[in-house]
Amino acid sequence: TRGTIAARLYQRRVPEAEWAVPSETGQRETDAAVAAVK
């Protein structure tokens, strides 16, 4: 979710990884996937 990514819940815990977050288009697809499941 946008909240998880904005809060950096994972990025702060594993800073050595090169975290690749979605583009805005990709985030909209993620949001839509979550909404579809719900």
Full PDB file with SEQRES, HELIX, SHEET, SSBOND, CRYST1, ORIGX, SCALE, CONECT and MASTER records, all heavy atoms in Angstrom:
SEQRES   1 A   38  THR ARG GLY THR ILE ALA ALA ARG LEU TYR GLN ARG ARG          
SEQRES   2 A   38  VAL PRO GLU ALA GLU TRP ALA VAL PRO SER GLU THR GLY          
SEQRES   3 A   38  GLN ARG GLU THR ASP ALA ALA VAL ALA ALA VAL LYS              
HELIX    1 AA1 ARG A    2  ALA A    6  1                                   5    
HELIX    2 AA2 GLU A   24  VAL A   37  1                                  14    
CRYST1    1.000    1.000    1.000  90.00  90.00  90.00 P 1           1          
ORIGX1      1.000000  0.000000  0.000000        0.00000                         
ORIGX2      0.000000  1.000000  0.000000        0.00000                         
ORIGX3      0.000000  0.000000  1.000000        0.00000                         
SCALE1      1.000000  0.000000  0.000000        0.00000                         
SCALE2      0.000000  1.000000  0.000000        0.00000                         
SCALE3      0.000000  0.000000  1.000000        0.00000                         
ATOM      1  N   THR A   1       0.838  -1.198   0.000  1.00  0.00           N  
ATOM      2  CA  THR A   1       0.000   0.000   0.000  1.00  0.00           C  
ATOM      3  C   THR A   1       0.875   1.251   0.000  1.00  0.00           C  
ATOM      4  O   THR A   1       2.057   1.205   0.349  1.00  0.00           O  
ATOM      5  CB  THR A   1      -0.911   0.034   1.235  1.00  0.00           C  
ATOM      6  OG1 THR A   1      -0.106   0.230   2.408  1.00  0.00           O  
ATOM      7  CG2 THR A   1      -1.723  -1.251   1.368  1.00  0.00           C  
ATOM      8  N   ARG A   2       0.270   2.338  -0.350  1.00  0.00           N  
ATOM      9  CA  ARG A   2       0.998   3.604  -0.307  1.00  0.00           C  
ATOM     10  C   ARG A   2       1.460   3.918   1.116  1.00  0.00           C  
ATOM     11  O   ARG A   2       2.512   4.524   1.312  1.00  0.00           O  
ATOM     12  CB  ARG A   2       0.115   4.730  -0.851  1.00  0.00           C  
ATOM     13  CG  ARG A   2      -0.200   4.592  -2.335  1.00  0.00           C  
ATOM     14  CD  ARG A   2      -1.202   5.613  -2.823  1.00  0.00           C  
ATOM     15  NE  ARG A   2      -1.585   5.352  -4.202  1.00  0.00           N  
ATOM     16  CZ  ARG A   2      -0.988   5.893  -5.274  1.00  0.00           C  
ATOM     17  NH1 ARG A   2       0.004   6.753  -5.114  1.00  0.00           N  
ATOM     18  NH2 ARG A   2      -1.397   5.595  -6.484  1.00  0.00           N  
ATOM     19  N   GLY A   3       0.685   3.494   2.090  1.00  0.00           N  
ATOM     20  CA  GLY A   3       1.066   3.725   3.479  1.00  0.00           C  
ATOM     21  C   GLY A   3       2.302   2.940   3.880  1.00  0.00           C  
ATOM     22  O   GLY A   3       3.212   3.480   4.529  1.00  0.00           O  
ATOM     23  N   THR A   4       2.342   1.679   3.515  1.00  0.00           N  
ATOM     24  CA  THR A   4       3.498   0.845   3.840  1.00  0.00           C  
ATOM     25  C   THR A   4       4.767   1.387   3.210  1.00  0.00           C  
ATOM     26  O   THR A   4       5.827   1.445   3.846  1.00  0.00           O  
ATOM     27  CB  THR A   4       3.249  -0.602   3.384  1.00  0.00           C  
ATOM     28  OG1 THR A   4       2.177  -1.152   4.155  1.00  0.00           O  
ATOM     29  CG2 THR A   4       4.488  -1.465   3.560  1.00  0.00           C  
ATOM     30  N   ILE A   5       4.662   1.799   1.951  1.00  0.00           N  
ATOM     31  CA  ILE A   5       5.841   2.311   1.252  1.00  0.00           C  
ATOM     32  C   ILE A   5       6.260   3.665   1.806  1.00  0.00           C  
ATOM     33  O   ILE A   5       7.446   3.918   2.052  1.00  0.00           O  
ATOM     34  CB  ILE A   5       5.570   2.369  -0.259  1.00  0.00           C  
ATOM     35  CG1 ILE A   5       5.469   0.934  -0.817  1.00  0.00           C  
ATOM     36  CG2 ILE A   5       6.669   3.146  -0.982  1.00  0.00           C  
ATOM     37  CD1 ILE A   5       5.082   0.847  -2.260  1.00  0.00           C  
ATOM     38  N   ALA A   6       5.281   4.557   2.057  1.00  0.00           N  
ATOM     39  CA  ALA A   6       5.609   5.887   2.577  1.00  0.00           C  
ATOM     40  C   ALA A   6       6.215   5.812   3.972  1.00  0.00           C  
ATOM     41  O   ALA A   6       7.110   6.599   4.314  1.00  0.00           O  
ATOM     42  CB  ALA A   6       4.361   6.761   2.601  1.00  0.00           C  
ATOM     43  N   ALA A   7       5.749   4.854   4.788  1.00  0.00           N  
ATOM     44  CA  ALA A   7       6.283   4.714   6.146  1.00  0.00           C  
ATOM     45  C   ALA A   7       7.650   4.054   6.164  1.00  0.00           C  
ATOM     46  O   ALA A   7       8.300   4.009   7.213  1.00  0.00           O  
ATOM     47  CB  ALA A   7       5.310   3.907   7.003  1.00  0.00           C  
ATOM     48  N   ARG A   8       8.083   3.525   5.023  1.00  0.00           N  
ATOM     49  CA  ARG A   8       9.393   2.886   4.871  1.00  0.00           C  
ATOM     50  C   ARG A   8       9.564   1.732   5.874  1.00  0.00           C  
ATOM     51  O   ARG A   8      10.644   1.528   6.440  1.00  0.00           O  
ATOM     52  CB  ARG A   8      10.527   3.912   5.027  1.00  0.00           C  
ATOM     53  CG  ARG A   8      10.483   5.009   3.983  1.00  0.00           C  
ATOM     54  CD  ARG A   8      11.661   5.972   4.105  1.00  0.00           C  
ATOM     55  NE  ARG A   8      12.948   5.292   3.947  1.00  0.00           N  
ATOM     56  CZ  ARG A   8      13.494   4.966   2.784  1.00  0.00           C  
ATOM     57  NH1 ARG A   8      12.865   5.244   1.650  1.00  0.00           N  
ATOM     58  NH2 ARG A   8      14.656   4.349   2.744  1.00  0.00           N  
ATOM     59  N   LEU A   9       8.488   0.982   6.064  1.00  0.00           N  
ATOM     60  CA  LEU A   9       8.526  -0.115   7.037  1.00  0.00           C  
ATOM     61  C   LEU A   9       9.578  -1.148   6.669  1.00  0.00           C  
ATOM     62  O   LEU A   9      10.255  -1.701   7.548  1.00  0.00           O  
ATOM     63  CB  LEU A   9       7.144  -0.769   7.127  1.00  0.00           C  
ATOM     64  CG  LEU A   9       6.016   0.104   7.668  1.00  0.00           C  
ATOM     65  CD1 LEU A   9       4.699  -0.664   7.671  1.00  0.00           C  
ATOM     66  CD2 LEU A   9       6.342   0.602   9.069  1.00  0.00           C  
ATOM     67  N   TYR A  10       9.712  -1.421   5.379  1.00  0.00           N  
ATOM     68  CA  TYR A  10      10.708  -2.393   4.940  1.00  0.00           C  
ATOM     69  C   TYR A  10      12.051  -1.741   4.627  1.00  0.00           C  
ATOM     70  O   TYR A  10      13.114  -2.296   4.938  1.00  0.00           O  
ATOM     71  CB  TYR A  10      10.193  -3.156   3.712  1.00  0.00           C  
ATOM     72  CG  TYR A  10       9.202  -4.226   4.094  1.00  0.00           C  
ATOM     73  CD1 TYR A  10       7.845  -3.976   4.092  1.00  0.00           C  
ATOM     74  CD2 TYR A  10       9.640  -5.485   4.491  1.00  0.00           C  
ATOM     75  CE1 TYR A  10       6.934  -4.953   4.469  1.00  0.00           C  
ATOM     76  CE2 TYR A  10       8.749  -6.471   4.872  1.00  0.00           C  
ATOM     77  CZ  TYR A  10       7.400  -6.196   4.858  1.00  0.00           C  
ATOM     78  OH  TYR A  10       6.504  -7.166   5.245  1.00  0.00           O  
ATOM     79  N   GLN A  11      12.022  -0.575   4.007  1.00  0.00           N  
ATOM     80  CA  GLN A  11      13.277   0.056   3.610  1.00  0.00           C  
ATOM     81  C   GLN A  11      14.166   0.352   4.814  1.00  0.00           C  
ATOM     82  O   GLN A  11      15.397   0.239   4.729  1.00  0.00           O  
ATOM     83  CB  GLN A  11      12.987   1.359   2.844  1.00  0.00           C  
ATOM     84  CG  GLN A  11      12.179   1.167   1.567  1.00  0.00           C  
ATOM     85  CD  GLN A  11      10.699   1.428   1.763  1.00  0.00           C  
ATOM     86  OE1 GLN A  11      10.103   0.875   2.680  1.00  0.00           O  
ATOM     87  NE2 GLN A  11      10.113   2.270   0.917  1.00  0.00           N  
ATOM     88  N   ARG A  12      13.563   0.727   5.946  1.00  0.00           N  
ATOM     89  CA  ARG A  12      14.360   1.031   7.141  1.00  0.00           C  
ATOM     90  C   ARG A  12      14.951  -0.230   7.754  1.00  0.00           C  
ATOM     91  O   ARG A  12      16.020  -0.170   8.374  1.00  0.00           O  
ATOM     92  CB  ARG A  12      13.490   1.754   8.174  1.00  0.00           C  
ATOM     93  CG  ARG A  12      13.154   3.187   7.820  1.00  0.00           C  
ATOM     94  CD  ARG A  12      12.439   3.907   8.942  1.00  0.00           C  
ATOM     95  NE  ARG A  12      11.075   3.418   9.161  1.00  0.00           N  
ATOM     96  CZ  ARG A  12      10.700   2.637  10.156  1.00  0.00           C  
ATOM     97  NH1 ARG A  12      11.595   2.236  11.062  1.00  0.00           N  
ATOM     98  NH2 ARG A  12       9.439   2.255  10.297  1.00  0.00           N  
ATOM     99  N   ARG A  13      14.264  -1.358   7.608  1.00  0.00           N  
ATOM    100  CA  ARG A  13      14.732  -2.600   8.236  1.00  0.00           C  
ATOM    101  C   ARG A  13      15.830  -3.282   7.428  1.00  0.00           C  
ATOM    102  O   ARG A  13      16.647  -4.017   7.994  1.00  0.00           O  
ATOM    103  CB  ARG A  13      13.556  -3.568   8.410  1.00  0.00           C  
ATOM    104  CG  ARG A  13      12.493  -3.108   9.404  1.00  0.00           C  
ATOM    105  CD  ARG A  13      12.983  -3.149  10.841  1.00  0.00           C  
ATOM    106  NE  ARG A  13      11.903  -2.892  11.783  1.00  0.00           N  
ATOM    107  CZ  ARG A  13      11.219  -3.837  12.411  1.00  0.00           C  
ATOM    108  NH1 ARG A  13      11.517  -5.113  12.228  1.00  0.00           N  
ATOM    109  NH2 ARG A  13      10.236  -3.519  13.230  1.00  0.00           N  
ATOM    110  N   VAL A  14      15.821  -3.107   6.110  1.00  0.00           N  
ATOM    111  CA  VAL A  14      16.844  -3.731   5.253  1.00  0.00           C  
ATOM    112  C   VAL A  14      17.430  -2.639   4.353  1.00  0.00           C  
ATOM    113  O   VAL A  14      17.207  -2.611   3.141  1.00  0.00           O  
ATOM    114  CB  VAL A  14      16.255  -4.881   4.404  1.00  0.00           C  
ATOM    115  CG1 VAL A  14      17.379  -5.714   3.769  1.00  0.00           C  
ATOM    116  CG2 VAL A  14      15.355  -5.789   5.233  1.00  0.00           C  
ATOM    117  N   PRO A  15      18.218  -1.732   4.941  1.00  0.00           N  
ATOM    118  CA  PRO A  15      18.711  -0.598   4.160  1.00  0.00           C  
ATOM    119  C   PRO A  15      19.731  -0.989   3.099  1.00  0.00           C  
ATOM    120  O   PRO A  15      19.962  -0.233   2.155  1.00  0.00           O  
ATOM    121  CB  PRO A  15      19.352   0.301   5.231  1.00  0.00           C  
ATOM    122  CG  PRO A  15      19.700  -0.629   6.350  1.00  0.00           C  
ATOM    123  CD  PRO A  15      18.621  -1.668   6.353  1.00  0.00           C  
ATOM    124  N   GLU A  16      20.331  -2.179   3.259  1.00  0.00           N  
ATOM    125  CA  GLU A  16      21.344  -2.573   2.280  1.00  0.00           C  
ATOM    126  C   GLU A  16      20.754  -3.020   0.959  1.00  0.00           C  
ATOM    127  O   GLU A  16      21.451  -3.082  -0.061  1.00  0.00           O  
ATOM    128  CB  GLU A  16      22.244  -3.681   2.860  1.00  0.00           C  
ATOM    129  CG  GLU A  16      21.539  -4.998   3.165  1.00  0.00           C  
ATOM    130  CD  GLU A  16      20.980  -5.051   4.574  1.00  0.00           C  
ATOM    131  OE1 GLU A  16      20.704  -3.975   5.152  1.00  0.00           O  
ATOM    132  OE2 GLU A  16      20.834  -6.170   5.093  1.00  0.00           O  
ATOM    133  N   ALA A  17      19.470  -3.354   0.947  1.00  0.00           N  
ATOM    134  CA  ALA A  17      18.826  -3.754  -0.303  1.00  0.00           C  
ATOM    135  C   ALA A  17      18.562  -2.531  -1.172  1.00  0.00           C  
ATOM    136  O   ALA A  17      18.371  -1.420  -0.674  1.00  0.00           O  
ATOM    137  CB  ALA A  17      17.520  -4.490  -0.016  1.00  0.00           C  
ATOM    138  N   GLU A  18      18.547  -2.740  -2.478  1.00  0.00           N  
ATOM    139  CA  GLU A  18      18.195  -1.672  -3.415  1.00  0.00           C  
ATOM    140  C   GLU A  18      16.699  -1.790  -3.684  1.00  0.00           C  
ATOM    141  O   GLU A  18      16.266  -2.466  -4.618  1.00  0.00           O  
ATOM    142  CB  GLU A  18      19.001  -1.803  -4.711  1.00  0.00           C  
ATOM    143  CG  GLU A  18      20.507  -1.669  -4.534  1.00  0.00           C  
ATOM    144  CD  GLU A  18      21.261  -1.958  -5.817  1.00  0.00           C  
ATOM    145  OE1 GLU A  18      20.636  -1.903  -6.907  1.00  0.00           O  
ATOM    146  OE2 GLU A  18      22.464  -2.265  -5.745  1.00  0.00           O  
ATOM    147  N   TRP A  19      15.915  -1.136  -2.850  1.00  0.00           N  
ATOM    148  CA  TRP A  19      14.472  -1.281  -2.933  1.00  0.00           C  
ATOM    149  C   TRP A  19      13.922  -0.627  -4.194  1.00  0.00           C  
ATOM    150  O   TRP A  19      14.184   0.545  -4.453  1.00  0.00           O  
ATOM    151  CB  TRP A  19      13.801  -0.694  -1.701  1.00  0.00           C  
ATOM    152  CG  TRP A  19      14.047  -1.502  -0.476  1.00  0.00           C  
ATOM    153  CD1 TRP A  19      14.933  -1.243   0.521  1.00  0.00           C  
ATOM    154  CD2 TRP A  19      13.405  -2.739  -0.129  1.00  0.00           C  
ATOM    155  NE1 TRP A  19      14.882  -2.233   1.474  1.00  0.00           N  
ATOM    156  CE2 TRP A  19      13.951  -3.166   1.106  1.00  0.00           C  
ATOM    157  CE3 TRP A  19      12.419  -3.519  -0.729  1.00  0.00           C  
ATOM    158  CZ2 TRP A  19      13.551  -4.336   1.738  1.00  0.00           C  
ATOM    159  CZ3 TRP A  19      12.009  -4.687  -0.114  1.00  0.00           C  
ATOM    160  CH2 TRP A  19      12.566  -5.090   1.104  1.00  0.00           C  
ATOM    161  N   ALA A  20      13.177  -1.393  -4.959  1.00  0.00           N  
ATOM    162  CA  ALA A  20      12.546  -0.890  -6.182  1.00  0.00           C  
ATOM    163  C   ALA A  20      11.053  -0.759  -5.911  1.00  0.00           C  
ATOM    164  O   ALA A  20      10.347  -1.762  -5.779  1.00  0.00           O  
ATOM    165  CB  ALA A  20      12.791  -1.853  -7.342  1.00  0.00           C  
ATOM    166  N   VAL A  21      10.588   0.478  -5.773  1.00  0.00           N  
ATOM    167  CA  VAL A  21       9.166   0.705  -5.534  1.00  0.00           C  
ATOM    168  C   VAL A  21       8.494   1.024  -6.862  1.00  0.00           C  
ATOM    169  O   VAL A  21       9.141   1.459  -7.816  1.00  0.00           O  
ATOM    170  CB  VAL A  21       8.939   1.845  -4.517  1.00  0.00           C  
ATOM    171  CG1 VAL A  21       9.596   1.517  -3.194  1.00  0.00           C  
ATOM    172  CG2 VAL A  21       9.453   3.165  -5.063  1.00  0.00           C  
ATOM    173  N   PRO A  22       7.204   0.792  -6.958  1.00  0.00           N  
ATOM    174  CA  PRO A  22       6.525   1.020  -8.236  1.00  0.00           C  
ATOM    175  C   PRO A  22       6.534   2.482  -8.654  1.00  0.00           C  
ATOM    176  O   PRO A  22       6.599   3.391  -7.823  1.00  0.00           O  
ATOM    177  CB  PRO A  22       5.086   0.537  -7.961  1.00  0.00           C  
ATOM    178  CG  PRO A  22       5.176  -0.325  -6.756  1.00  0.00           C  
ATOM    179  CD  PRO A  22       6.302   0.229  -5.944  1.00  0.00           C  
ATOM    180  N   SER A  23       6.450   2.690  -9.958  1.00  0.00           N  
ATOM    181  CA  SER A  23       6.153   4.015 -10.478  1.00  0.00           C  
ATOM    182  C   SER A  23       4.713   4.356 -10.080  1.00  0.00           C  
ATOM    183  O   SER A  23       3.978   3.515  -9.541  1.00  0.00           O  
ATOM    184  CB  SER A  23       6.287   4.020 -12.000  1.00  0.00           C  
ATOM    185  OG  SER A  23       5.287   3.173 -12.568  1.00  0.00           O  
ATOM    186  N   GLU A  24       4.291   5.558 -10.355  1.00  0.00           N  
ATOM    187  CA  GLU A  24       2.899   5.918 -10.038  1.00  0.00           C  
ATOM    188  C   GLU A  24       1.932   5.006 -10.788  1.00  0.00           C  
ATOM    189  O   GLU A  24       0.911   4.573 -10.225  1.00  0.00           O  
ATOM    190  CB  GLU A  24       2.632   7.383 -10.393  1.00  0.00           C  
ATOM    191  CG  GLU A  24       1.190   7.828 -10.159  1.00  0.00           C  
ATOM    192  CD  GLU A  24       0.714   7.618  -8.727  1.00  0.00           C  
ATOM    193  OE1 GLU A  24       1.534   7.681  -7.789  1.00  0.00           O  
ATOM    194  OE2 GLU A  24      -0.509   7.388  -8.547  1.00  0.00           O  
ATOM    195  N   THR A  25       2.258   4.675 -12.030  1.00  0.00           N  
ATOM    196  CA  THR A  25       1.406   3.755 -12.779  1.00  0.00           C  
ATOM    197  C   THR A  25       1.374   2.383 -12.107  1.00  0.00           C  
ATOM    198  O   THR A  25       0.306   1.778 -11.946  1.00  0.00           O  
ATOM    199  CB  THR A  25       1.912   3.607 -14.220  1.00  0.00           C  
ATOM    200  OG1 THR A  25       1.841   4.879 -14.873  1.00  0.00           O  
ATOM    201  CG2 THR A  25       1.086   2.597 -15.002  1.00  0.00           C  
ATOM    202  N   GLY A  26       2.543   1.909 -11.705  1.00  0.00           N  
ATOM    203  CA  GLY A  26       2.613   0.612 -11.034  1.00  0.00           C  
ATOM    204  C   GLY A  26       1.908   0.622  -9.690  1.00  0.00           C  
ATOM    205  O   GLY A  26       1.279  -0.374  -9.300  1.00  0.00           O  
ATOM    206  N   GLN A  27       1.983   1.747  -8.962  1.00  0.00           N  
ATOM    207  CA  GLN A  27       1.294   1.828  -7.679  1.00  0.00           C  
ATOM    208  C   GLN A  27      -0.213   1.810  -7.867  1.00  0.00           C  
ATOM    209  O   GLN A  27      -0.946   1.205  -7.066  1.00  0.00           O  
ATOM    210  CB  GLN A  27       1.725   3.076  -6.924  1.00  0.00           C  
ATOM    211  CG  GLN A  27       1.177   3.151  -5.500  1.00  0.00           C  
ATOM    212  CD  GLN A  27       1.665   1.993  -4.629  1.00  0.00           C  
ATOM    213  OE1 GLN A  27       2.861   1.739  -4.547  1.00  0.00           O  
ATOM    214  NE2 GLN A  27       0.735   1.285  -3.999  1.00  0.00           N  
ATOM    215  N   ARG A  28      -0.672   2.455  -8.912  1.00  0.00           N  
ATOM    216  CA  ARG A  28      -2.116   2.405  -9.187  1.00  0.00           C  
ATOM    217  C   ARG A  28      -2.552   0.975  -9.484  1.00  0.00           C  
ATOM    218  O   ARG A  28      -3.648   0.557  -9.083  1.00  0.00           O  
ATOM    219  CB  ARG A  28      -2.465   3.338 -10.360  1.00  0.00           C  
ATOM    220  CG  ARG A  28      -2.449   4.810  -9.975  1.00  0.00           C  
ATOM    221  CD  ARG A  28      -3.215   5.647 -11.001  1.00  0.00           C  
ATOM    222  NE  ARG A  28      -2.568   5.613 -12.316  1.00  0.00           N  
ATOM    223  CZ  ARG A  28      -1.675   6.494 -12.736  1.00  0.00           C  
ATOM    224  NH1 ARG A  28      -1.306   7.495 -11.939  1.00  0.00           N  
ATOM    225  NH2 ARG A  28      -1.147   6.402 -13.941  1.00  0.00           N  
ATOM    226  N   GLU A  29      -1.710   0.218 -10.191  1.00  0.00           N  
ATOM    227  CA  GLU A  29      -2.035  -1.188 -10.449  1.00  0.00           C  
ATOM    228  C   GLU A  29      -2.042  -1.994  -9.145  1.00  0.00           C  
ATOM    229  O   GLU A  29      -2.902  -2.855  -8.932  1.00  0.00           O  
ATOM    230  CB  GLU A  29      -1.036  -1.793 -11.430  1.00  0.00           C  
ATOM    231  CG  GLU A  29      -1.086  -1.222 -12.833  1.00  0.00           C  
ATOM    232  CD  GLU A  29      -2.336  -1.629 -13.607  1.00  0.00           C  
ATOM    233  OE1 GLU A  29      -3.127  -2.452 -13.103  1.00  0.00           O  
ATOM    234  OE2 GLU A  29      -2.517  -1.114 -14.729  1.00  0.00           O  
ATOM    235  N   THR A  30      -1.098  -1.703  -8.256  1.00  0.00           N  
ATOM    236  CA  THR A  30      -1.076  -2.375  -6.948  1.00  0.00           C  
ATOM    237  C   THR A  30      -2.323  -2.038  -6.155  1.00  0.00           C  
ATOM    238  O   THR A  30      -2.974  -2.929  -5.587  1.00  0.00           O  
ATOM    239  CB  THR A  30       0.171  -1.961  -6.153  1.00  0.00           C  
ATOM    240  OG1 THR A  30       1.350  -2.253  -6.910  1.00  0.00           O  
ATOM    241  CG2 THR A  30       0.241  -2.704  -4.824  1.00  0.00           C  
ATOM    242  N   ASP A  31      -2.665  -0.753  -6.120  1.00  0.00           N  
ATOM    243  CA  ASP A  31      -3.874  -0.328  -5.406  1.00  0.00           C  
ATOM    244  C   ASP A  31      -5.105  -1.038  -5.965  1.00  0.00           C  
ATOM    245  O   ASP A  31      -5.984  -1.475  -5.207  1.00  0.00           O  
ATOM    246  CB  ASP A  31      -4.068   1.185  -5.533  1.00  0.00           C  
ATOM    247  CG  ASP A  31      -2.953   1.999  -4.893  1.00  0.00           C  
ATOM    248  OD1 ASP A  31      -2.203   1.438  -4.064  1.00  0.00           O  
ATOM    249  OD2 ASP A  31      -2.836   3.200  -5.224  1.00  0.00           O  
ATOM    250  N   ALA A  32      -5.157  -1.142  -7.288  1.00  0.00           N  
ATOM    251  CA  ALA A  32      -6.314  -1.766  -7.926  1.00  0.00           C  
ATOM    252  C   ALA A  32      -6.370  -3.263  -7.620  1.00  0.00           C  
ATOM    253  O   ALA A  32      -7.454  -3.830  -7.451  1.00  0.00           O  
ATOM    254  CB  ALA A  32      -6.264  -1.532  -9.441  1.00  0.00           C  
ATOM    255  N   ALA A  33      -5.211  -3.904  -7.548  1.00  0.00           N  
ATOM    256  CA  ALA A  33      -5.171  -5.333  -7.207  1.00  0.00           C  
ATOM    257  C   ALA A  33      -5.704  -5.560  -5.804  1.00  0.00           C  
ATOM    258  O   ALA A  33      -6.503  -6.481  -5.556  1.00  0.00           O  
ATOM    259  CB  ALA A  33      -3.748  -5.867  -7.333  1.00  0.00           C  
ATOM    260  N   VAL A  34      -5.280  -4.716  -4.872  1.00  0.00           N  
ATOM    261  CA  VAL A  34      -5.736  -4.822  -3.486  1.00  0.00           C  
ATOM    262  C   VAL A  34      -7.241  -4.594  -3.404  1.00  0.00           C  
ATOM    263  O   VAL A  34      -7.974  -5.349  -2.750  1.00  0.00           O  
ATOM    264  CB  VAL A  34      -4.979  -3.826  -2.591  1.00  0.00           C  
ATOM    265  CG1 VAL A  34      -5.570  -3.798  -1.186  1.00  0.00           C  
ATOM    266  CG2 VAL A  34      -3.497  -4.178  -2.537  1.00  0.00           C  
ATOM    267  N   ALA A  35      -7.718  -3.559  -4.084  1.00  0.00           N  
ATOM    268  CA  ALA A  35      -9.144  -3.245  -4.058  1.00  0.00           C  
ATOM    269  C   ALA A  35      -9.970  -4.377  -4.656  1.00  0.00           C  
ATOM    270  O   ALA A  35     -11.064  -4.690  -4.167  1.00  0.00           O  
ATOM    271  CB  ALA A  35      -9.410  -1.945  -4.810  1.00  0.00           C  
ATOM    272  N   ALA A  36      -9.446  -5.007  -5.710  1.00  0.00           N  
ATOM    273  CA  ALA A  36     -10.177  -6.110  -6.351  1.00  0.00           C  
ATOM    274  C   ALA A  36     -10.328  -7.293  -5.399  1.00  0.00           C  
ATOM    275  O   ALA A  36     -11.389  -7.916  -5.322  1.00  0.00           O  
ATOM    276  CB  ALA A  36      -9.467  -6.529  -7.631  1.00  0.00           C  
ATOM    277  N   VAL A  37      -9.267  -7.598  -4.648  1.00  0.00           N  
ATOM    278  CA  VAL A  37      -9.358  -8.686  -3.677  1.00  0.00           C  
ATOM    279  C   VAL A  37     -10.399  -8.354  -2.613  1.00  0.00           C  
ATOM    280  O   VAL A  37     -11.213  -9.202  -2.221  1.00  0.00           O  
ATOM    281  CB  VAL A  37      -7.988  -8.964  -3.026  1.00  0.00           C  
ATOM    282  CG1 VAL A  37      -8.131  -9.980  -1.888  1.00  0.00           C  
ATOM    283  CG2 VAL A  37      -6.988  -9.470  -4.053  1.00  0.00           C  
ATOM    284  N   LYS A  38     -10.392  -7.117  -2.154  1.00  0.00           N  
ATOM    285  CA  LYS A  38     -11.323  -6.728  -1.095  1.00  0.00           C  
ATOM    286  C   LYS A  38     -12.780  -6.822  -1.539  1.00  0.00           C  
ATOM    287  O   LYS A  38     -13.675  -7.058  -0.722  1.00  0.00           O  
ATOM    288  CB  LYS A  38     -10.989  -5.322  -0.592  1.00  0.00           C  
ATOM    289  CG  LYS A  38      -9.683  -5.261   0.209  1.00  0.00           C  
ATOM    290  CD  LYS A  38      -9.403  -3.870   0.727  1.00  0.00           C  
ATOM    291  CE  LYS A  38      -8.096  -3.803   1.511  1.00  0.00           C  
ATOM    292  NZ  LYS A  38      -8.150  -4.565   2.769  1.00  0.00           N  
TER     293      LYS A  38                                                      
MASTER        0    0    0    2    0    0    0    6  292    1    0    3          
END                                                                             
